[in-house]
N, C-alpha and C. Protein backbone atom coordinates (compact mmCIF):
# COMPACT_ATOMS: atom_id res chain seq x y z
N UNK A 1 159.90 67.01 101.16
CA UNK A 1 158.99 68.10 101.47
C UNK A 1 158.57 67.93 102.86
N UNK A 2 158.80 68.95 103.78
CA UNK A 2 158.36 68.75 105.16
C UNK A 2 157.05 69.30 105.44
N UNK A 3 156.40 68.69 106.39
CA UNK A 3 155.02 69.07 106.96
C UNK A 3 155.08 69.28 108.34
N UNK A 4 154.57 70.37 108.78
CA UNK A 4 154.49 70.79 110.06
C UNK A 4 153.06 71.19 110.51
N UNK A 5 152.70 70.75 111.79
CA UNK A 5 151.37 71.03 112.19
C UNK A 5 151.35 72.07 113.34
N UNK A 6 150.43 73.05 113.15
CA UNK A 6 150.35 74.18 114.28
C UNK A 6 148.84 74.04 114.70
N UNK A 7 148.74 74.80 115.96
CA UNK A 7 147.37 74.96 116.31
C UNK A 7 146.74 75.99 115.43
N UNK A 8 147.45 77.09 115.20
CA UNK A 8 146.99 78.12 114.26
C UNK A 8 147.92 78.55 113.25
N UNK A 9 147.52 78.71 111.96
CA UNK A 9 148.36 79.31 110.98
C UNK A 9 147.81 80.63 110.63
N UNK A 10 148.56 81.73 110.74
CA UNK A 10 148.07 83.05 110.42
C UNK A 10 148.63 83.39 109.17
N UNK A 11 147.85 83.82 108.19
CA UNK A 11 148.36 84.17 106.80
C UNK A 11 148.29 85.69 106.77
N UNK A 12 149.46 86.31 106.82
CA UNK A 12 149.48 87.79 106.77
C UNK A 12 150.36 88.11 108.12
N UNK A 13 151.34 88.95 107.84
CA UNK A 13 152.21 89.24 109.07
C UNK A 13 152.23 90.78 109.25
N UNK A 14 151.07 91.45 108.89
CA UNK A 14 150.98 92.86 109.28
C UNK A 14 150.57 93.05 110.72
N UNK A 15 150.10 94.29 110.96
CA UNK A 15 149.67 94.60 112.32
C UNK A 15 148.60 93.61 112.85
N UNK A 16 147.65 93.36 112.00
CA UNK A 16 146.39 92.48 112.45
C UNK A 16 146.93 91.07 112.67
N UNK A 17 147.71 90.53 111.75
CA UNK A 17 148.11 89.18 111.83
C UNK A 17 149.11 89.02 113.02
N UNK A 18 150.04 89.93 113.21
CA UNK A 18 150.96 89.85 114.39
C UNK A 18 150.17 90.08 115.69
N UNK A 19 149.16 90.91 115.76
CA UNK A 19 148.42 91.14 116.90
C UNK A 19 147.79 89.84 117.38
N UNK A 20 147.25 89.21 116.37
CA UNK A 20 146.46 87.97 116.67
C UNK A 20 147.51 86.78 117.10
N UNK A 21 148.63 86.87 116.43
CA UNK A 21 149.62 85.77 116.83
C UNK A 21 150.15 86.17 118.30
N UNK A 22 150.28 87.43 118.56
CA UNK A 22 150.67 87.77 119.98
C UNK A 22 149.70 87.18 121.05
N UNK A 23 148.53 87.40 120.85
CA UNK A 23 147.49 86.92 121.80
C UNK A 23 147.58 85.32 121.78
N UNK A 24 147.57 84.83 120.70
CA UNK A 24 147.59 83.22 120.61
C UNK A 24 148.83 82.73 121.24
N UNK A 25 149.98 83.39 120.96
CA UNK A 25 151.25 82.88 121.57
C UNK A 25 151.17 83.03 123.11
N UNK A 26 150.65 84.10 123.57
CA UNK A 26 150.48 84.10 124.94
C UNK A 26 149.57 83.22 125.61
N UNK A 27 148.61 82.65 124.74
CA UNK A 27 147.68 81.64 125.11
C UNK A 27 148.31 80.17 125.16
N UNK A 28 149.55 80.13 124.72
CA UNK A 28 150.38 78.95 124.67
C UNK A 28 149.93 78.08 123.50
N UNK A 29 149.48 78.74 122.58
CA UNK A 29 149.17 78.05 121.16
C UNK A 29 150.42 77.96 120.31
N UNK A 30 150.51 76.95 119.62
CA UNK A 30 151.62 76.62 118.69
C UNK A 30 151.29 77.33 117.31
N UNK A 31 151.87 78.43 117.11
CA UNK A 31 151.43 79.39 116.00
C UNK A 31 152.57 79.59 114.98
N UNK A 32 152.06 79.68 113.78
CA UNK A 32 152.94 80.16 112.73
C UNK A 32 152.27 81.34 111.91
N UNK A 33 153.07 82.27 111.63
CA UNK A 33 152.66 83.47 110.85
C UNK A 33 153.37 83.32 109.50
N UNK A 34 152.58 83.22 108.42
CA UNK A 34 153.20 83.18 107.12
C UNK A 34 152.97 84.49 106.37
N UNK A 35 154.11 85.10 105.99
CA UNK A 35 153.99 86.42 105.51
C UNK A 35 154.94 86.57 104.26
N UNK A 36 154.39 87.18 103.09
CA UNK A 36 155.12 87.20 101.94
C UNK A 36 155.93 88.52 101.88
N UNK A 37 155.90 89.36 102.88
CA UNK A 37 156.71 90.46 102.97
C UNK A 37 156.50 91.62 102.00
N UNK A 38 155.18 91.75 101.71
CA UNK A 38 154.72 92.85 100.92
C UNK A 38 153.59 93.64 101.49
N UNK A 39 154.08 94.41 102.68
CA UNK A 39 152.94 95.05 103.36
C UNK A 39 152.43 96.19 102.54
N UNK A 40 151.12 96.62 102.68
CA UNK A 40 150.48 97.52 101.86
C UNK A 40 151.00 98.89 102.13
N UNK A 41 151.49 99.15 103.29
CA UNK A 41 151.98 100.47 103.63
C UNK A 41 153.53 100.56 103.36
N UNK A 42 154.21 99.70 102.69
CA UNK A 42 155.58 99.69 102.42
C UNK A 42 156.11 101.06 101.79
N UNK A 43 155.38 101.64 100.84
CA UNK A 43 155.89 102.88 100.23
C UNK A 43 155.82 104.06 101.25
N UNK A 44 155.04 103.99 102.31
CA UNK A 44 154.96 105.22 103.13
C UNK A 44 156.18 105.29 104.09
N UNK A 45 156.63 106.44 104.31
CA UNK A 45 157.81 106.59 105.10
C UNK A 45 157.38 106.68 106.71
N UNK A 46 156.14 106.90 106.91
CA UNK A 46 155.76 106.98 108.29
C UNK A 46 154.15 106.52 108.33
N UNK A 47 153.75 105.98 109.45
CA UNK A 47 152.43 105.69 109.73
C UNK A 47 151.91 106.62 110.77
N UNK A 48 150.55 106.95 110.55
CA UNK A 48 150.06 107.92 111.52
C UNK A 48 148.85 107.26 112.16
N UNK A 49 148.29 107.77 113.30
CA UNK A 49 147.18 107.44 113.86
C UNK A 49 147.12 106.05 114.54
N UNK A 50 148.33 105.49 114.91
CA UNK A 50 148.46 104.27 115.54
C UNK A 50 149.02 104.58 117.02
N UNK A 51 148.21 104.40 117.93
CA UNK A 51 148.49 104.98 119.37
C UNK A 51 149.92 104.48 119.77
N UNK A 52 150.63 105.30 120.38
CA UNK A 52 152.04 105.11 120.81
C UNK A 52 153.02 104.97 119.87
N UNK A 53 152.64 104.78 118.50
CA UNK A 53 153.57 104.68 117.39
C UNK A 53 153.39 105.76 116.24
N UNK A 54 152.59 106.70 116.57
CA UNK A 54 152.37 107.86 115.57
C UNK A 54 153.71 108.30 115.02
N UNK A 55 153.77 108.19 113.68
CA UNK A 55 154.97 108.73 112.98
C UNK A 55 156.06 107.66 112.68
N UNK A 56 155.84 106.55 113.36
CA UNK A 56 156.97 105.54 113.17
C UNK A 56 156.98 104.93 111.84
N UNK A 57 158.07 104.65 111.25
CA UNK A 57 158.17 103.94 109.94
C UNK A 57 157.48 102.61 110.07
N UNK A 58 156.67 102.21 109.15
CA UNK A 58 155.98 100.96 109.10
C UNK A 58 156.86 99.74 109.29
N UNK A 59 157.92 99.76 108.61
CA UNK A 59 158.98 98.72 108.82
C UNK A 59 159.43 98.56 110.22
N UNK A 60 159.70 99.69 110.92
CA UNK A 60 160.03 99.59 112.29
C UNK A 60 158.99 98.94 113.22
N UNK A 61 157.73 99.29 112.90
CA UNK A 61 156.66 98.63 113.71
C UNK A 61 156.63 97.14 113.61
N UNK A 62 156.83 96.68 112.37
CA UNK A 62 156.81 95.40 112.18
C UNK A 62 157.89 94.54 112.80
N UNK A 63 159.06 95.21 112.71
CA UNK A 63 160.27 94.64 113.43
C UNK A 63 160.14 94.46 114.92
N UNK A 64 159.52 95.43 115.54
CA UNK A 64 159.27 95.32 116.92
C UNK A 64 158.24 94.36 117.27
N UNK A 65 157.22 94.33 116.41
CA UNK A 65 156.10 93.22 116.64
C UNK A 65 156.63 91.88 116.42
N UNK A 66 157.46 91.71 115.46
CA UNK A 66 158.02 90.36 115.31
C UNK A 66 158.74 89.93 116.47
N UNK A 67 159.61 90.68 116.95
CA UNK A 67 160.38 90.31 118.16
C UNK A 67 159.47 90.02 119.44
N UNK A 68 158.40 90.74 119.43
CA UNK A 68 157.35 90.44 120.54
C UNK A 68 156.82 89.05 120.35
N UNK A 69 156.30 88.69 119.21
CA UNK A 69 155.64 87.39 118.98
C UNK A 69 156.66 86.18 119.10
N UNK A 70 157.86 86.43 118.63
CA UNK A 70 158.95 85.46 118.84
C UNK A 70 159.09 85.08 120.23
N UNK A 71 159.04 86.00 121.17
CA UNK A 71 159.15 85.91 122.62
C UNK A 71 158.15 84.91 123.18
N UNK A 72 157.16 84.56 122.37
CA UNK A 72 156.05 83.73 122.87
C UNK A 72 156.15 82.43 122.05
N UNK A 73 157.18 82.18 121.36
CA UNK A 73 157.36 80.86 120.54
C UNK A 73 156.64 80.93 119.21
N UNK A 74 156.02 82.11 118.78
CA UNK A 74 155.40 82.08 117.38
C UNK A 74 156.56 81.90 116.30
N UNK A 75 156.38 81.14 115.38
CA UNK A 75 157.20 80.94 114.27
C UNK A 75 156.86 81.81 113.14
N UNK A 76 157.74 82.55 112.55
CA UNK A 76 157.55 83.52 111.57
C UNK A 76 158.11 82.87 110.35
N UNK A 77 157.32 82.64 109.33
CA UNK A 77 157.64 82.08 108.13
C UNK A 77 157.64 83.02 106.95
N UNK A 78 158.67 83.42 106.26
CA UNK A 78 158.71 84.31 105.18
C UNK A 78 158.47 83.42 103.90
N UNK A 79 157.34 83.58 103.42
CA UNK A 79 156.90 82.76 102.36
C UNK A 79 155.50 83.11 101.89
N UNK A 80 155.05 82.59 100.83
CA UNK A 80 153.70 82.96 100.22
C UNK A 80 152.88 81.61 100.16
N UNK A 81 151.69 81.69 100.66
CA UNK A 81 150.79 80.66 100.48
C UNK A 81 150.21 80.53 98.97
N UNK A 82 150.52 79.37 98.38
CA UNK A 82 150.01 79.38 96.90
C UNK A 82 148.81 78.39 96.79
N UNK A 83 148.56 77.46 97.75
CA UNK A 83 147.33 76.58 97.77
C UNK A 83 146.85 76.18 99.12
N UNK A 84 145.71 76.07 99.25
CA UNK A 84 145.03 75.58 100.45
C UNK A 84 144.23 74.43 100.13
N UNK A 85 144.64 73.14 100.56
CA UNK A 85 144.06 71.99 100.17
C UNK A 85 144.44 70.84 101.21
N UNK A 86 143.76 70.90 102.28
CA UNK A 86 144.26 69.84 103.38
C UNK A 86 145.47 70.40 104.21
N UNK A 87 146.00 71.42 103.69
CA UNK A 87 147.18 72.03 104.34
C UNK A 87 147.53 73.21 103.46
N UNK A 88 148.50 73.94 103.93
CA UNK A 88 148.94 75.18 103.21
C UNK A 88 150.18 74.86 102.43
N UNK A 89 150.20 74.89 101.08
CA UNK A 89 151.41 74.75 100.40
C UNK A 89 151.94 76.07 100.15
N UNK A 90 153.30 76.27 100.39
CA UNK A 90 153.90 77.59 100.25
C UNK A 90 154.72 77.59 98.94
N UNK A 91 155.07 78.65 98.53
CA UNK A 91 155.81 78.96 97.29
C UNK A 91 157.15 78.13 97.36
N UNK A 92 157.75 77.93 98.57
CA UNK A 92 158.95 77.33 98.69
C UNK A 92 158.84 75.93 98.54
N UNK A 93 157.69 75.31 98.46
CA UNK A 93 157.45 73.81 98.48
C UNK A 93 157.16 73.25 99.85
N UNK A 94 157.45 74.00 100.88
CA UNK A 94 157.02 73.63 102.21
C UNK A 94 155.45 73.59 102.36
N UNK A 95 155.15 72.54 103.26
CA UNK A 95 153.61 72.31 103.54
C UNK A 95 153.44 72.62 105.03
N UNK A 96 152.42 73.51 105.29
CA UNK A 96 152.16 73.76 106.70
C UNK A 96 150.69 73.33 106.95
N UNK A 97 150.43 72.58 108.00
CA UNK A 97 149.05 72.14 108.43
C UNK A 97 148.77 72.74 109.86
N UNK A 98 147.54 73.04 109.98
CA UNK A 98 147.05 73.83 111.17
C UNK A 98 145.70 73.27 111.47
N UNK A 99 145.34 73.34 112.77
CA UNK A 99 143.96 73.05 113.17
C UNK A 99 143.08 74.25 112.79
N UNK A 100 143.57 75.46 112.80
CA UNK A 100 142.76 76.64 112.53
C UNK A 100 143.62 77.51 111.60
N UNK A 101 142.85 78.30 110.81
CA UNK A 101 143.55 79.14 109.89
C UNK A 101 142.89 80.54 110.15
N UNK A 102 143.74 81.50 110.24
CA UNK A 102 143.25 82.97 110.44
C UNK A 102 143.86 83.79 109.20
N UNK A 103 142.98 84.36 108.52
CA UNK A 103 143.37 85.19 107.50
C UNK A 103 143.52 86.56 107.82
N UNK A 104 144.68 87.18 107.66
CA UNK A 104 144.90 88.58 107.92
C UNK A 104 145.68 89.22 106.85
N UNK A 105 145.18 89.08 105.61
CA UNK A 105 145.89 89.54 104.37
C UNK A 105 145.76 90.97 104.12
N UNK A 106 144.86 91.51 104.80
CA UNK A 106 144.66 93.05 104.64
C UNK A 106 144.03 93.37 103.36
N UNK A 107 144.03 94.69 103.04
CA UNK A 107 143.42 95.18 101.80
C UNK A 107 144.55 95.28 100.75
N UNK A 108 144.14 95.43 99.50
CA UNK A 108 144.82 95.64 98.34
C UNK A 108 144.40 96.89 97.61
N UNK A 109 145.34 97.75 97.41
CA UNK A 109 145.10 98.99 96.71
C UNK A 109 145.17 98.75 95.27
N UNK A 110 144.02 99.20 94.48
CA UNK A 110 143.97 98.99 93.07
C UNK A 110 144.30 100.51 92.67
N UNK A 111 145.41 100.69 92.00
CA UNK A 111 145.77 101.95 91.61
C UNK A 111 145.22 102.35 90.20
N UNK A 112 144.99 103.52 90.08
CA UNK A 112 144.39 103.98 88.72
C UNK A 112 145.47 103.87 87.56
N UNK A 113 145.00 103.57 86.39
CA UNK A 113 146.03 103.47 85.25
C UNK A 113 146.44 104.77 84.73
N UNK A 114 147.15 105.57 85.65
CA UNK A 114 147.70 106.86 85.42
C UNK A 114 149.25 106.75 85.40
N UNK A 115 149.92 107.30 84.42
CA UNK A 115 151.25 107.19 84.41
C UNK A 115 151.85 108.05 85.70
N UNK A 116 152.83 107.37 86.48
CA UNK A 116 153.35 108.06 87.59
C UNK A 116 152.71 107.63 88.92
N UNK A 117 151.44 107.10 88.82
CA UNK A 117 150.64 106.72 90.09
C UNK A 117 151.52 105.86 90.94
N UNK A 118 152.01 104.74 90.34
CA UNK A 118 152.75 103.80 91.18
C UNK A 118 154.00 104.38 91.81
N UNK A 119 154.71 105.20 91.02
CA UNK A 119 156.02 105.81 91.59
C UNK A 119 155.71 106.75 92.82
N UNK A 120 154.51 107.35 92.77
CA UNK A 120 154.25 108.40 93.75
C UNK A 120 153.37 107.84 94.90
N UNK A 121 152.93 106.51 94.81
CA UNK A 121 152.08 105.96 95.80
C UNK A 121 152.66 105.95 97.16
N UNK A 122 151.91 106.42 98.10
CA UNK A 122 152.45 106.45 99.50
C UNK A 122 153.37 107.61 99.86
N UNK A 123 153.70 108.44 98.79
CA UNK A 123 154.53 109.60 98.89
C UNK A 123 153.72 110.88 98.96
N UNK A 124 153.14 111.11 97.75
CA UNK A 124 152.33 112.28 97.66
C UNK A 124 151.01 111.97 96.82
N UNK A 125 150.92 110.64 96.46
CA UNK A 125 149.63 110.17 95.84
C UNK A 125 149.06 109.26 97.00
N UNK A 126 148.09 109.78 97.81
CA UNK A 126 147.70 109.17 98.95
C UNK A 126 146.28 108.75 98.93
N UNK A 127 145.82 107.81 99.86
CA UNK A 127 144.56 107.34 99.87
C UNK A 127 143.75 107.64 101.12
N UNK A 128 144.31 107.92 102.19
CA UNK A 128 143.56 107.93 103.45
C UNK A 128 143.80 109.37 104.16
N UNK A 129 142.75 110.14 104.24
CA UNK A 129 142.88 111.47 105.00
C UNK A 129 143.27 111.28 106.31
N UNK A 130 142.75 110.32 106.99
CA UNK A 130 143.06 110.09 108.41
C UNK A 130 144.48 109.63 108.63
N UNK A 131 144.99 108.96 107.64
CA UNK A 131 146.57 108.47 107.78
C UNK A 131 147.37 109.69 107.31
N UNK A 132 147.02 110.50 106.38
CA UNK A 132 147.93 111.61 105.74
C UNK A 132 147.47 112.90 105.75
N UNK A 133 146.35 113.22 106.19
CA UNK A 133 145.64 114.49 106.15
C UNK A 133 146.45 115.48 106.91
N UNK A 134 146.92 115.12 108.13
CA UNK A 134 147.75 116.14 108.89
C UNK A 134 148.96 116.67 108.14
N UNK A 135 149.63 115.77 107.43
CA UNK A 135 150.84 116.00 106.82
C UNK A 135 150.66 116.96 105.56
N UNK A 136 149.40 116.99 105.00
CA UNK A 136 149.24 117.75 103.87
C UNK A 136 148.23 118.91 104.14
N UNK A 137 147.99 119.16 105.45
CA UNK A 137 147.00 120.15 105.83
C UNK A 137 147.58 121.57 105.24
N UNK A 138 146.48 122.28 104.98
CA UNK A 138 146.71 123.62 104.47
C UNK A 138 147.53 123.79 103.11
N UNK A 139 147.64 122.69 102.49
CA UNK A 139 148.33 122.70 101.19
C UNK A 139 147.34 122.36 100.06
N UNK A 140 147.72 122.72 98.85
CA UNK A 140 146.67 122.35 97.75
C UNK A 140 146.57 120.81 97.67
N UNK A 141 145.34 120.31 97.59
CA UNK A 141 145.01 118.85 97.45
C UNK A 141 144.18 118.60 96.29
N UNK A 142 144.53 117.64 95.47
CA UNK A 142 143.90 117.14 94.34
C UNK A 142 143.18 115.73 94.67
N UNK A 143 141.99 115.58 94.17
CA UNK A 143 141.18 114.32 94.42
C UNK A 143 140.99 113.75 93.09
N UNK A 144 141.37 112.62 92.84
CA UNK A 144 141.20 111.88 91.60
C UNK A 144 140.00 110.95 91.74
N UNK A 145 138.97 111.31 90.92
CA UNK A 145 137.64 110.54 90.87
C UNK A 145 137.79 109.31 90.08
N UNK A 146 137.66 108.23 90.83
CA UNK A 146 137.69 106.89 90.19
C UNK A 146 136.54 106.02 90.42
N UNK A 147 135.68 106.32 91.38
CA UNK A 147 134.51 105.35 91.73
C UNK A 147 133.45 106.30 92.31
N UNK A 148 132.28 105.63 92.50
CA UNK A 148 131.27 106.32 93.24
C UNK A 148 131.75 106.76 94.72
N UNK A 149 131.42 107.86 95.04
CA UNK A 149 131.88 108.27 96.49
C UNK A 149 133.18 109.12 96.36
N UNK A 150 133.77 109.16 95.19
CA UNK A 150 134.93 110.09 95.10
C UNK A 150 134.67 111.61 95.35
N UNK A 151 133.58 112.04 95.03
CA UNK A 151 133.23 113.49 95.38
C UNK A 151 133.03 113.66 96.90
N UNK A 152 132.57 112.52 97.47
CA UNK A 152 132.47 112.68 98.98
C UNK A 152 133.88 112.74 99.65
N UNK A 153 134.65 112.08 99.01
CA UNK A 153 136.12 112.00 99.49
C UNK A 153 136.68 113.49 99.48
N UNK A 154 136.37 114.23 98.25
CA UNK A 154 136.90 115.55 98.21
C UNK A 154 136.17 116.43 99.18
N UNK A 155 135.00 116.20 99.52
CA UNK A 155 134.33 116.99 100.55
C UNK A 155 134.95 116.79 101.90
N UNK A 156 135.25 115.50 102.19
CA UNK A 156 135.88 115.21 103.50
C UNK A 156 137.30 115.88 103.63
N UNK A 157 137.99 115.93 102.47
CA UNK A 157 139.37 116.49 102.53
C UNK A 157 139.34 118.08 102.77
N UNK A 158 138.19 118.52 102.54
CA UNK A 158 138.00 120.04 102.85
C UNK A 158 138.47 120.45 104.12
N UNK A 159 138.19 119.54 105.21
CA UNK A 159 138.56 119.86 106.52
C UNK A 159 140.10 120.00 106.77
N UNK A 160 140.89 119.59 105.92
CA UNK A 160 142.36 119.72 106.02
C UNK A 160 142.91 120.77 105.17
N UNK A 161 142.14 121.31 104.20
CA UNK A 161 142.74 122.38 103.28
C UNK A 161 141.48 123.19 102.75
N UNK A 162 141.78 124.37 102.62
CA UNK A 162 140.72 125.25 101.84
C UNK A 162 141.01 125.22 100.40
N UNK A 163 142.15 124.45 99.81
CA UNK A 163 142.49 124.48 98.43
C UNK A 163 142.38 122.96 97.94
N UNK A 164 141.13 122.48 97.74
CA UNK A 164 140.84 121.17 97.18
C UNK A 164 140.27 121.40 95.67
N UNK A 165 140.86 120.53 94.87
CA UNK A 165 140.40 120.51 93.41
C UNK A 165 139.99 119.03 93.21
N UNK A 166 138.92 118.83 92.58
CA UNK A 166 138.29 117.53 92.24
C UNK A 166 138.41 117.24 90.71
N UNK A 167 139.27 116.24 90.40
CA UNK A 167 139.42 115.76 88.96
C UNK A 167 138.49 114.67 88.77
N UNK A 168 137.51 114.90 87.86
CA UNK A 168 136.51 113.78 87.73
C UNK A 168 137.08 112.53 87.16
N UNK A 169 138.09 112.62 86.45
CA UNK A 169 138.75 111.44 85.77
C UNK A 169 137.73 110.38 85.26
N UNK A 170 137.58 109.24 85.96
CA UNK A 170 136.61 108.22 85.39
C UNK A 170 135.36 108.08 86.32
N UNK A 171 135.13 108.96 87.18
CA UNK A 171 133.91 108.89 88.03
C UNK A 171 132.90 109.75 87.51
N UNK A 172 131.63 109.19 87.39
CA UNK A 172 130.46 109.99 87.15
C UNK A 172 130.09 110.93 88.29
N UNK A 173 130.02 112.14 88.03
CA UNK A 173 129.66 113.03 89.01
C UNK A 173 128.31 113.60 88.93
N UNK A 174 127.38 113.42 89.86
CA UNK A 174 125.94 113.87 89.70
C UNK A 174 125.87 115.35 89.91
N UNK A 175 124.77 115.78 89.40
CA UNK A 175 124.48 117.29 89.68
C UNK A 175 124.44 117.67 91.21
N UNK A 176 123.93 116.73 91.99
CA UNK A 176 123.90 116.96 93.44
C UNK A 176 125.23 117.10 94.03
N UNK A 177 126.16 116.11 93.44
CA UNK A 177 127.56 116.08 93.93
C UNK A 177 128.33 117.49 93.63
N UNK A 178 127.96 117.84 92.25
CA UNK A 178 128.73 119.00 91.76
C UNK A 178 128.20 120.33 92.56
N UNK A 179 126.95 120.29 92.91
CA UNK A 179 126.34 121.51 93.89
C UNK A 179 126.96 121.35 95.19
N UNK A 180 127.29 120.21 95.76
CA UNK A 180 127.82 120.20 97.05
C UNK A 180 129.33 120.58 96.98
N UNK A 181 130.01 120.26 95.86
CA UNK A 181 131.34 120.62 95.79
C UNK A 181 131.48 122.15 95.63
N UNK A 182 130.56 122.75 94.90
CA UNK A 182 130.52 124.19 94.59
C UNK A 182 130.30 124.91 95.94
N UNK A 183 129.35 124.33 96.69
CA UNK A 183 129.05 125.01 98.06
C UNK A 183 130.27 125.09 98.98
N UNK A 184 131.14 124.12 98.73
CA UNK A 184 132.24 123.90 99.73
C UNK A 184 133.58 124.51 99.01
N UNK A 185 133.41 125.33 98.01
CA UNK A 185 134.45 125.97 97.27
C UNK A 185 135.51 124.99 96.69
N UNK A 186 135.03 123.82 96.28
CA UNK A 186 135.90 122.90 95.64
C UNK A 186 135.84 122.96 94.05
N UNK A 187 136.86 123.23 93.42
CA UNK A 187 136.85 123.40 91.99
C UNK A 187 136.83 121.95 91.38
N UNK A 188 136.05 121.93 90.26
CA UNK A 188 135.88 120.58 89.60
C UNK A 188 136.60 120.73 88.20
N UNK A 189 137.43 119.82 87.99
CA UNK A 189 138.09 119.84 86.59
C UNK A 189 137.69 118.53 85.90
N UNK A 190 136.93 118.60 84.82
CA UNK A 190 136.49 117.49 84.09
C UNK A 190 137.53 116.94 83.12
N UNK A 191 137.35 115.68 82.76
CA UNK A 191 138.27 115.07 81.93
C UNK A 191 139.02 113.98 82.56
N UNK A 192 139.78 113.08 81.77
CA UNK A 192 140.63 112.08 82.29
C UNK A 192 141.99 112.44 82.53
N UNK A 193 142.60 112.18 83.58
CA UNK A 193 143.90 112.49 83.95
C UNK A 193 144.83 111.36 83.23
N UNK A 194 145.92 111.91 82.61
CA UNK A 194 146.69 110.97 81.87
C UNK A 194 148.04 110.75 82.56
N UNK A 195 148.51 111.57 83.43
CA UNK A 195 149.74 111.21 84.08
C UNK A 195 149.91 112.36 85.22
N UNK A 196 150.77 111.90 86.11
CA UNK A 196 151.23 112.85 87.20
C UNK A 196 152.50 113.48 86.85
N UNK A 197 152.64 114.80 87.14
CA UNK A 197 153.90 115.43 86.82
C UNK A 197 154.35 116.04 88.17
N UNK A 198 155.58 115.74 88.51
CA UNK A 198 156.12 116.20 89.74
C UNK A 198 157.41 116.90 89.47
N UNK A 199 157.56 118.02 90.07
CA UNK A 199 158.66 118.88 89.82
C UNK A 199 159.35 119.02 91.29
N UNK A 200 160.75 118.76 91.09
CA UNK A 200 161.53 118.98 92.46
C UNK A 200 161.09 118.03 93.61
N UNK A 201 160.60 116.89 93.24
CA UNK A 201 160.09 115.92 94.26
C UNK A 201 158.90 116.48 94.95
């Protein structure tokens, strides 16, 4: 089992982790980026709102970023950290030690237990109006209530479409929220959604 020591080990090779590695590499630090290769935005065909890369496929951004950090001597390790205990033990059995650890693991999306949600995730079952609102502007939009604040999400989406429907699903919806939805012509459908039905993709 080999052990290597770095100035900094970055866990997570998405935009944040690679940006940090770029700066650290330019600062002549010995850096390793450990990434399991499961980016959050992998299902999306394009990413939006990223200056100078608007509309670029996420995988293409990562490819360009990896080439940039490699130019500064940053090592990219395709692996998963399974334990941190005096060093980083990787799934492959390799051990990495570093003077500093930078976590850039990003967010994890917890999808609702609705048949078809995982298959449509990042395609037409979306989570971020600032990422995808422009692409669905002026089209019918349904909002699935899963947590407090879901009704606010429906209200926010109203700026992209005049046709917004709020499905209460598992979210408690207060009388004040229902009143606000009504004022903005957002129809409310009560009940639990059991599955997504897609016709003709």
